[in-house]
Amino acid sequence: MKVSLTQKYNVPGPRYTSYPTVPYWNEADFNDLKWVASLQKSFVESNSENGISLYLHLPFCESMCTFCGCNKRITKNHSVEETYIKALLKEWSLYCKLLPEKPLIKEIHLGGGTPTFFSKNNLEHLINGIFSYANKAENYEFSFEGHPNNTTYEQLQKLYNLGFRRVSFGVQDYASKVQKAINRIQPFHNVAKVTFWAKEIGYTSIGHDIIFGLPFQTIEDVVDTIEKTNSLKPDRLAFYSYAHVPWIKGNGQRGFDEKNLPRDDEKRKLYEIGKTLLSKNGYHEIGMDHFALSTDTLYKASLNNKLHRNFMGYSASKTQLMIGLGVSSISDSWYSFAQNTKSLEDYYQLLEWDKLPISKGHVLSEEDLIVRKHILNLTCQLETSWNHTEGYFDELPQVLKSLDEMEKDQLIVIEANKLKITVAGRPFVRNVCMAFDLHLKRKSPETNLFSMTV
């Protein structure tokens, strides 16, 4: 029996929101002093020119969605809001004391968890607290994730008044059997309501997140979800492959049997059908798993080779320094990564002691920095290049040799000093990145670490 390309290349692999990926961080060579030194270096190099980014992790959810692998705390007790915001602002104040001047903030993203778990007044208190230590950069872009079931008109209006112009709503799928399996009961009416509210208020980029490969999901389900999505015409879409990683403690992905999941070619067909429908309705495929209308900044950035990718996902602009605030957040100075503790209790305790709540990190080597640029190029522009002085590293010939099979399958084109991913190769971007991933090549994982690539 002939093996399809999907079957051939569908292997466990990283999602490449960073390089090196978190499991390959050299924690032994990392400490808080090294992180602060890299933070200050990056700040001096970039703040006055471009500003910095902030990611704020708001971990609370009222119920567990069984497709989710994010760090979250399930509770219906909203009294936790004030304590957590106080801690976030304490962490931010500790960072600002380390910086030589007032930061300019180019990007803010509120992620989670469920950011709209928080009341409009507490969200206002949080953002005003951030700007008591900082200024807004020119052409700033503030965004947040909203749950259609609990996002209110008042929250949308309040965040708009605070400068937010981009919002993404988690949709996943509209089929009732799928929603029941992933414990995300969410009628189309709720999504339509918050989408129309956001348009009415004036948000310039409204996004929907949908997922293919969910339990019990069929072609008919994807077609119905895409058609409903097209009727609302969000500006951009994330069309993610479901990452089945049930070995991660506490992620809730044991709420259904694995035999209920579409696999390999069956799963990939869901994406291809969705992509075709989106294309017919004016959406352009961007990077990995993303689509946007021609009027959206994400599409314009992709045309101008300005697309960037980090722990917040794809962005229309690049900042060198991103500070992550909140439990489990990851910061990126370009030269180093630092991740906060995943324990909410430890997070509070470390801040009580006036310590940055960092649990681990990685200082990038010169080799890491070169490979990181290649992986960013591949995930954002679908090509990368090198010469004798820039972009070259000792193991590049072996990396290119390892891609022979992908070139024979016409998934990539390798020229004298350039590699391009073809249209047929777009489903396998992560596989191409894995060939460049020297940490992965030198030490294959001995246990389950990653979801499947396709």
Protein backbone atom coordinates (compact mmCIF):
# COMPACT_ATOMS: atom_id res chain seq x y z
CA MET A 1 0.00 0.00 0.00
CA LYS A 2 1.33 3.42 -0.97
CA VAL A 3 2.01 5.68 2.00
CA SER A 4 0.67 9.25 1.69
CA LEU A 5 2.82 12.28 2.42
CA THR A 6 0.74 12.97 5.53
CA GLN A 7 1.36 9.45 6.84
CA LYS A 8 5.03 9.73 5.94
CA TYR A 9 5.69 13.03 7.71
CA ASN A 10 3.13 13.03 10.54
CA VAL A 11 5.49 12.60 13.48
CA PRO A 12 5.72 14.19 16.94
CA GLY A 13 7.31 17.63 16.70
CA PRO A 14 7.48 21.08 18.30
CA ARG A 15 5.18 23.97 17.37
CA TYR A 16 8.15 26.36 17.28
CA THR A 17 6.85 29.32 19.20
CA SER A 18 10.49 29.50 20.29
CA TYR A 19 13.90 28.11 19.49
CA PRO A 20 15.27 26.32 21.36
CA THR A 21 11.97 24.75 22.37
CA VAL A 22 11.26 24.66 26.11
CA PRO A 23 12.17 20.96 26.67
CA TYR A 24 15.67 21.70 25.35
CA TRP A 25 16.44 24.73 27.47
CA ASN A 26 19.77 24.53 29.28
CA GLU A 27 18.49 25.27 32.77
CA ALA A 28 21.84 24.48 34.42
CA ASP A 29 23.48 27.43 32.65
CA PHE A 30 20.68 29.86 33.50
CA ASN A 31 20.13 32.08 36.52
CA ASP A 32 18.25 35.26 37.39
CA LEU A 33 21.37 37.43 37.04
CA LYS A 34 21.93 36.25 33.45
CA TRP A 35 18.29 36.88 32.66
CA VAL A 36 18.38 40.42 34.06
CA ALA A 37 21.59 41.19 32.14
CA SER A 38 20.02 40.05 28.86
CA LEU A 39 16.81 41.93 29.68
CA GLN A 40 18.69 45.18 30.23
CA LYS A 41 20.83 44.71 27.12
CA SER A 42 17.79 44.12 24.93
CA PHE A 43 15.89 47.02 26.50
CA VAL A 44 18.71 49.47 25.76
CA GLU A 45 18.94 48.24 22.17
CA SER A 46 15.24 48.35 21.38
CA ASN A 47 13.06 50.42 23.71
CA SER A 48 13.53 53.90 22.26
CA GLU A 49 13.26 52.67 18.65
CA ASN A 50 10.46 50.10 18.68
CA GLY A 51 9.22 49.69 22.25
CA ILE A 52 8.60 46.38 23.99
CA SER A 53 5.83 43.79 24.21
CA LEU A 54 3.94 42.60 27.26
CA TYR A 55 2.17 39.27 27.57
CA LEU A 56 -0.15 39.03 30.59
CA HIS A 57 -1.32 35.55 31.51
CA LEU A 58 -4.73 35.54 33.20
CA PRO A 59 -5.17 31.89 34.21
CA PHE A 60 -8.69 31.63 35.63
CA CYS A 61 -11.52 29.74 33.90
CA GLU A 62 -14.95 28.85 35.23
CA SER A 63 -14.87 25.39 33.60
CA MET A 64 -12.35 22.98 32.07
CA CYS A 65 -12.21 22.65 28.27
CA THR A 66 -10.79 19.22 27.51
CA PHE A 67 -8.98 20.29 24.32
CA CYS A 68 -6.84 22.84 26.19
CA GLY A 69 -3.22 22.41 27.22
CA CYS A 70 -2.78 25.91 28.71
CA ASN A 71 -1.89 26.70 32.31
CA LYS A 72 -5.16 27.50 34.05
CA ARG A 73 -6.95 27.48 37.40
CA ILE A 74 -10.60 26.39 37.40
CA THR A 75 -12.80 28.39 39.76
CA LYS A 76 -16.12 30.23 39.91
CA ASN A 77 -14.84 32.38 42.77
CA HIS A 78 -14.25 35.82 41.26
CA SER A 79 -12.74 37.21 44.44
CA VAL A 80 -9.43 35.82 43.09
CA GLU A 81 -9.31 38.66 40.54
CA GLU A 82 -8.08 41.42 42.84
CA THR A 83 -5.34 39.29 44.43
CA TYR A 84 -4.02 38.22 41.06
CA ILE A 85 -4.01 41.71 39.54
CA LYS A 86 -2.17 43.04 42.59
CA ALA A 87 0.48 40.34 42.03
CA LEU A 88 0.76 41.13 38.29
CA LEU A 89 1.33 44.79 39.01
CA LYS A 90 3.88 43.92 41.70
CA GLU A 91 5.78 41.80 39.17
CA TRP A 92 5.65 44.61 36.61
CA SER A 93 6.96 47.10 39.17
CA LEU A 94 9.91 44.78 39.90
CA TYR A 95 10.74 44.69 36.21
CA CYS A 96 10.44 48.46 35.80
CA LYS A 97 12.90 48.98 38.67
CA LEU A 98 15.46 47.01 36.64
CA LEU A 99 15.05 49.17 33.53
CA PRO A 100 17.13 52.33 32.98
CA GLU A 101 14.18 54.38 31.72
CA LYS A 102 10.41 54.29 31.37
CA PRO A 103 9.40 51.56 28.90
CA LEU A 104 7.49 52.24 25.70
CA ILE A 105 4.90 49.52 25.18
CA LYS A 106 4.30 48.56 21.56
CA GLU A 107 2.21 45.42 22.14
CA ILE A 108 0.06 44.06 24.94
CA HIS A 109 -1.67 40.72 24.75
CA LEU A 110 -4.01 39.37 27.43
CA GLY A 111 -4.05 35.58 27.24
CA GLY A 112 -5.11 32.72 29.42
CA GLY A 113 -7.00 31.01 30.79
CA THR A 114 -9.93 33.29 30.20
CA PRO A 115 -9.08 37.02 30.26
CA THR A 116 -12.80 37.86 30.13
CA PHE A 117 -13.17 36.00 33.44
CA PHE A 118 -12.10 39.37 34.90
CA SER A 119 -14.58 42.20 35.37
CA LYS A 120 -14.32 45.34 33.24
CA ASN A 121 -13.29 47.38 36.29
CA ASN A 122 -10.52 44.98 37.21
CA LEU A 123 -9.26 44.90 33.62
CA GLU A 124 -9.21 48.70 33.67
CA HIS A 125 -7.32 48.67 36.96
CA LEU A 126 -4.78 46.27 35.47
CA ILE A 127 -4.11 48.28 32.29
CA ASN A 128 -3.99 51.62 34.12
CA GLY A 129 -1.60 50.04 36.59
CA ILE A 130 0.68 48.92 33.74
CA PHE A 131 0.79 52.46 32.35
CA SER A 132 1.54 54.04 35.69
CA TYR A 133 5.07 52.73 34.96
CA ALA A 134 5.12 53.00 31.16
CA ASN A 135 4.16 54.98 28.05
CA LYS A 136 2.48 53.89 24.82
CA ALA A 137 4.68 53.58 21.75
CA GLU A 138 3.54 54.92 18.39
CA ASN A 139 1.33 52.53 16.42
CA TYR A 140 0.80 50.34 19.47
CA GLU A 141 -1.31 47.20 19.16
CA PHE A 142 -3.22 45.83 22.14
CA SER A 143 -5.12 42.57 21.90
CA PHE A 144 -6.93 40.10 24.12
CA GLU A 145 -8.61 36.71 24.02
CA GLY A 146 -12.33 36.60 24.76
CA HIS A 147 -14.64 33.73 25.65
CA PRO A 148 -17.90 34.25 23.71
CA ASN A 149 -19.94 32.85 26.60
CA ASN A 150 -18.83 35.45 29.13
CA THR A 151 -17.54 38.47 27.17
CA THR A 152 -19.81 41.43 27.81
CA TYR A 153 -20.45 44.56 25.79
CA GLU A 154 -19.14 46.57 28.73
CA GLN A 155 -15.83 44.65 28.77
CA LEU A 156 -15.38 45.19 25.04
CA GLN A 157 -16.15 48.90 25.37
CA LYS A 158 -13.86 49.34 28.37
CA LEU A 159 -10.90 47.64 26.70
CA TYR A 160 -11.53 49.62 23.51
CA ASN A 161 -11.41 52.83 25.55
CA LEU A 162 -8.08 51.63 26.97
CA GLY A 163 -6.57 51.27 23.48
CA PHE A 164 -7.39 47.69 22.51
CA ARG A 165 -8.28 47.24 18.85
CA ARG A 166 -7.79 43.52 18.33
CA VAL A 167 -9.75 40.69 19.94
CA SER A 168 -9.78 36.94 19.25
CA PHE A 169 -12.70 34.72 20.23
CA GLY A 170 -12.28 31.02 20.87
CA VAL A 171 -14.77 29.13 18.70
CA GLN A 172 -13.21 25.67 18.13
CA ASP A 173 -16.24 24.00 16.42
CA TYR A 174 -20.01 24.49 16.30
CA ALA A 175 -21.09 20.81 16.25
CA SER A 176 -22.91 19.92 19.48
CA LYS A 177 -21.32 16.45 19.73
CA VAL A 178 -17.83 17.99 19.42
CA GLN A 179 -18.62 20.74 21.92
CA LYS A 180 -19.87 18.15 24.40
CA ALA A 181 -16.72 16.04 24.00
CA ILE A 182 -14.41 19.00 24.67
CA ASN A 183 -16.69 20.48 27.37
CA ARG A 184 -17.09 23.76 25.48
CA ILE A 185 -20.82 24.27 25.02
CA GLN A 186 -20.99 27.46 23.02
CA PRO A 187 -23.91 28.32 20.71
CA PHE A 188 -23.30 30.15 17.43
CA HIS A 189 -25.54 32.92 18.74
CA ASN A 190 -23.00 33.74 21.47
CA VAL A 191 -20.14 34.05 18.98
CA ALA A 192 -22.25 36.14 16.58
CA LYS A 193 -23.30 38.46 19.39
CA VAL A 194 -19.78 39.28 20.62
CA THR A 195 -18.47 39.57 17.06
CA PHE A 196 -21.16 42.10 16.13
CA TRP A 197 -20.57 43.98 19.37
CA ALA A 198 -16.84 44.25 18.64
CA LYS A 199 -17.55 45.53 15.12
CA GLU A 200 -20.08 48.03 16.43
CA ILE A 201 -17.66 49.37 19.03
CA GLY A 202 -14.92 49.80 16.41
CA TYR A 203 -12.41 46.96 16.80
CA THR A 204 -10.28 46.90 13.64
CA SER A 205 -9.15 43.26 13.83
CA ILE A 206 -11.54 40.60 15.08
CA GLY A 207 -10.26 37.03 15.10
CA HIS A 208 -11.82 33.60 15.55
CA ASP A 209 -9.88 30.55 16.69
CA ILE A 210 -11.12 27.26 15.23
CA ILE A 211 -9.63 23.78 15.51
CA PHE A 212 -9.52 20.76 13.22
CA GLY A 213 -8.92 17.20 14.39
CA LEU A 214 -11.21 17.37 17.42
CA PRO A 215 -13.00 14.25 18.73
CA PHE A 216 -16.02 13.16 16.65
CA GLN A 217 -15.34 15.98 14.16
CA THR A 218 -16.39 15.23 10.57
CA ILE A 219 -16.04 16.96 7.23
CA GLU A 220 -19.65 18.14 7.57
CA ASP A 221 -18.79 19.70 10.94
CA VAL A 222 -15.83 21.62 9.51
CA VAL A 223 -17.88 22.81 6.53
CA ASP A 224 -20.65 24.01 8.85
CA THR A 225 -18.18 25.76 11.16
CA ILE A 226 -16.43 27.49 8.24
CA GLU A 227 -19.72 28.57 6.68
CA LYS A 228 -20.90 30.03 9.97
CA THR A 229 -17.51 31.73 10.35
CA ASN A 230 -17.76 33.22 6.87
CA SER A 231 -21.19 34.63 7.72
CA LEU A 232 -19.58 36.66 10.53
CA LYS A 233 -16.52 37.64 8.45
CA PRO A 234 -13.83 37.96 11.16
CA ASP A 235 -10.72 39.80 9.95
CA ARG A 236 -8.38 36.93 10.75
CA LEU A 237 -8.56 33.27 11.71
CA ALA A 238 -6.41 30.76 13.48
CA PHE A 239 -7.25 27.31 12.11
CA TYR A 240 -5.25 25.14 14.49
CA SER A 241 -4.51 21.45 14.43
CA TYR A 242 -5.76 19.90 17.65
CA ALA A 243 -2.70 19.08 19.77
CA HIS A 244 -3.41 15.84 21.58
CA VAL A 245 -1.00 15.81 24.53
CA PRO A 246 -2.82 13.90 27.31
CA TRP A 247 0.45 13.19 29.12
CA ILE A 248 0.64 16.82 30.27
CA LYS A 249 -0.58 16.83 33.84
CA GLY A 250 -3.85 18.61 34.41
CA ASN A 251 -4.65 19.50 30.81
CA GLY A 252 -7.94 17.59 30.88
CA GLN A 253 -7.37 15.71 27.61
CA ARG A 254 -8.74 12.42 28.88
CA GLY A 255 -12.36 13.48 28.37
CA PHE A 256 -12.75 11.27 25.28
CA ASP A 257 -11.30 8.11 23.79
CA GLU A 258 -8.41 8.40 21.34
CA LYS A 259 -10.30 6.28 18.81
CA ASN A 260 -12.74 9.20 18.51
CA LEU A 261 -10.01 11.42 17.01
CA PRO A 262 -9.53 11.80 13.24
CA ARG A 263 -6.02 10.71 12.21
CA ASP A 264 -3.44 11.36 9.48
CA ASP A 265 -5.10 11.78 6.04
CA GLU A 266 -8.58 11.94 7.56
CA LYS A 267 -7.47 14.77 9.83
CA ARG A 268 -5.54 16.61 7.12
CA LYS A 269 -8.55 16.50 4.82
CA LEU A 270 -10.47 18.53 7.40
CA TYR A 271 -7.87 21.30 7.06
CA GLU A 272 -7.70 21.20 3.27
CA ILE A 273 -11.49 21.46 2.94
CA GLY A 274 -11.56 24.30 5.45
CA LYS A 275 -8.73 26.09 3.64
CA THR A 276 -10.50 25.79 0.29
CA LEU A 277 -13.70 27.27 1.72
CA LEU A 278 -11.82 30.10 3.41
CA SER A 279 -9.92 30.90 0.20
CA LYS A 280 -13.20 31.13 -1.73
CA ASN A 281 -14.38 33.71 0.80
CA GLY A 282 -11.36 36.01 0.53
CA TYR A 283 -9.06 34.62 3.24
CA HIS A 284 -5.33 34.26 2.57
CA GLU A 285 -3.26 31.53 4.19
CA ILE A 286 -0.46 32.99 6.32
CA GLY A 287 2.45 31.15 7.92
CA MET A 288 1.20 28.06 9.73
CA ASP A 289 -2.47 27.65 10.62
CA HIS A 290 -3.46 31.30 10.08
CA PHE A 291 -5.69 33.14 7.61
CA ALA A 292 -6.54 36.80 7.13
CA LEU A 293 -8.53 39.10 4.86
CA SER A 294 -6.50 41.41 2.63
CA THR A 295 -7.53 44.37 4.81
CA ASP A 296 -6.01 42.90 7.99
CA THR A 297 -2.57 43.93 9.25
CA LEU A 298 -1.47 40.29 9.46
CA TYR A 299 -1.92 39.84 5.71
CA LYS A 300 -0.17 43.14 4.95
CA ALA A 301 2.74 42.12 7.19
CA SER A 302 3.07 38.80 5.35
CA LEU A 303 3.25 40.61 2.00
CA ASN A 304 5.99 42.94 3.28
CA ASN A 305 8.01 40.19 5.03
CA LYS A 306 7.24 41.86 8.37
CA LEU A 307 5.48 38.87 9.92
CA HIS A 308 6.86 37.82 13.31
CA ARG A 309 6.21 34.83 15.55
CA ASN A 310 6.76 34.42 19.28
CA PHE A 311 5.04 32.97 22.36
CA MET A 312 2.02 35.21 21.64
CA GLY A 313 1.67 33.68 18.16
CA TYR A 314 1.92 35.60 14.87
CA SER A 315 2.28 39.36 15.00
CA ALA A 316 2.26 42.09 12.35
CA SER A 317 5.30 43.75 13.93
CA LYS A 318 8.40 42.65 15.77
CA THR A 319 9.66 43.79 19.14
CA GLN A 320 13.00 42.50 20.35
CA LEU A 321 11.96 42.34 24.00
CA MET A 322 8.83 40.64 25.28
CA ILE A 323 8.15 40.50 29.01
CA GLY A 324 5.71 37.88 30.22
CA LEU A 325 3.81 38.66 33.41
CA GLY A 326 1.76 36.19 35.40
CA VAL A 327 1.93 32.55 36.38
CA SER A 328 3.67 30.34 33.74
CA SER A 329 4.37 33.32 31.41
CA ILE A 330 7.48 33.21 29.25
CA SER A 331 9.66 36.25 28.61
CA ASP A 332 11.99 36.66 25.63
CA SER A 333 14.86 39.15 25.47
CA TRP A 334 16.01 37.66 22.12
CA TYR A 335 19.21 36.61 23.88
CA SER A 336 17.50 34.63 26.63
CA PHE A 337 14.19 33.07 27.68
CA ALA A 338 12.73 33.03 31.19
CA GLN A 339 9.60 31.24 32.36
CA ASN A 340 7.65 32.02 35.50
CA THR A 341 6.66 29.33 37.95
CA LYS A 342 3.54 27.36 36.96
CA SER A 343 2.34 27.21 40.57
CA LEU A 344 0.01 30.05 41.50
CA GLU A 345 0.91 29.69 45.17
CA ASP A 346 4.65 29.87 44.43
CA TYR A 347 4.04 32.85 42.15
CA TYR A 348 2.40 34.77 44.98
CA GLN A 349 5.07 33.75 47.51
CA LEU A 350 8.04 34.82 45.36
CA LEU A 351 6.47 38.22 44.75
CA GLU A 352 5.88 38.60 48.48
CA TRP A 353 9.65 38.16 48.82
CA ASP A 354 10.23 40.85 46.14
CA LYS A 355 11.66 38.25 43.75
CA LEU A 356 10.93 37.81 40.08
CA PRO A 357 8.83 34.61 39.98
CA ILE A 358 11.11 32.84 37.47
CA SER A 359 11.48 29.06 37.63
CA LYS A 360 13.67 28.29 34.60
CA GLY A 361 15.19 29.72 31.45
CA HIS A 362 17.75 29.45 28.70
CA VAL A 363 20.59 31.69 27.48
CA LEU A 364 20.89 31.44 23.71
CA SER A 365 24.28 30.55 22.24
CA GLU A 366 25.58 32.08 19.00
CA GLU A 367 24.50 28.89 17.25
CA ASP A 368 21.02 29.13 18.82
CA LEU A 369 20.64 32.69 17.54
CA ILE A 370 21.51 31.68 13.96
CA VAL A 371 19.19 28.67 13.93
CA ARG A 372 16.44 30.71 15.57
CA LYS A 373 16.48 33.15 12.65
CA HIS A 374 16.18 30.29 10.16
CA ILE A 375 13.20 28.82 12.00
CA LEU A 376 11.52 32.24 12.22
CA ASN A 377 12.11 32.73 8.49
CA LEU A 378 10.58 29.34 7.70
CA THR A 379 7.51 29.80 9.90
CA CYS A 380 6.87 33.39 8.80
CA GLN A 381 8.14 33.69 5.20
CA LEU A 382 8.28 29.98 4.25
CA GLU A 383 11.88 30.39 3.12
CA THR A 384 15.32 31.07 4.52
CA SER A 385 18.76 31.90 3.16
CA TRP A 386 22.42 32.06 4.13
CA ASN A 387 25.88 32.96 2.87
CA HIS A 388 29.43 32.52 4.14
CA THR A 389 29.12 35.37 6.64
CA GLU A 390 25.47 35.38 7.66
CA GLY A 391 23.12 32.54 8.50
CA TYR A 392 25.75 29.84 8.08
CA PHE A 393 26.50 27.29 10.83
CA ASP A 394 28.80 24.28 10.83
CA GLU A 395 26.07 21.65 10.57
CA LEU A 396 24.15 23.36 7.74
CA PRO A 397 25.40 20.91 5.04
CA GLN A 398 24.14 17.96 7.11
CA VAL A 399 20.83 19.75 7.74
CA LEU A 400 20.32 20.25 3.99
CA LYS A 401 21.32 16.64 3.30
CA SER A 402 18.69 15.44 5.79
CA LEU A 403 16.07 17.26 3.70
CA ASP A 404 16.82 15.27 0.52
CA GLU A 405 13.66 13.20 0.87
CA MET A 406 11.47 16.27 1.31
CA GLU A 407 13.06 17.78 -1.79
CA LYS A 408 12.36 14.58 -3.77
CA ASP A 409 8.75 14.81 -2.61
CA GLN A 410 8.69 18.40 -3.99
CA LEU A 411 7.89 19.87 -0.59
CA ILE A 412 10.92 22.17 -0.65
CA VAL A 413 13.32 23.67 -3.18
CA ILE A 414 16.98 24.04 -2.21
CA GLU A 415 19.10 26.47 -4.21
CA ALA A 416 22.74 27.53 -3.77
CA ASN A 417 22.07 29.58 -0.64
CA LYS A 418 18.31 29.45 -0.18
CA LEU A 419 15.57 27.05 0.85
CA LYS A 420 11.93 27.58 -0.11
CA ILE A 421 8.88 25.67 1.05
CA THR A 422 6.57 24.90 -1.87
CA VAL A 423 2.78 25.12 -1.88
CA ALA A 424 2.66 21.33 -1.47
CA GLY A 425 5.08 21.65 1.45
CA ARG A 426 3.00 24.08 3.51
CA PRO A 427 1.45 21.32 5.66
CA PHE A 428 4.97 20.23 6.62
CA VAL A 429 6.60 23.49 7.75
CA ARG A 430 7.19 22.06 11.21
CA ASN A 431 8.98 19.07 9.69
CA VAL A 432 11.34 21.40 7.80
CA CYS A 433 12.01 23.31 11.01
CA MET A 434 12.80 20.03 12.77
CA ALA A 435 15.63 19.45 10.28
CA PHE A 436 17.20 22.73 11.45
CA ASP A 437 16.56 21.98 15.14
CA LEU A 438 20.05 21.02 16.29
CA HIS A 439 18.96 20.37 19.89
CA LEU A 440 16.34 17.89 18.69
CA LYS A 441 18.84 16.23 16.32
CA ARG A 442 21.43 15.77 19.05
CA LYS A 443 19.03 14.37 21.60
CA SER A 444 15.79 12.75 20.54
CA PRO A 445 13.11 12.79 23.26
CA GLU A 446 12.86 9.60 25.31
CA THR A 447 9.28 10.30 26.43
CA ASN A 448 6.20 11.98 24.94
CA LEU A 449 6.91 15.69 24.55
CA PHE A 450 5.25 16.98 21.40
CA SER A 451 1.99 16.76 19.48
CA MET A 452 1.93 15.43 15.92
CA THR A 453 3.22 17.75 13.19
CA VAL A 454 0.28 17.43 10.78
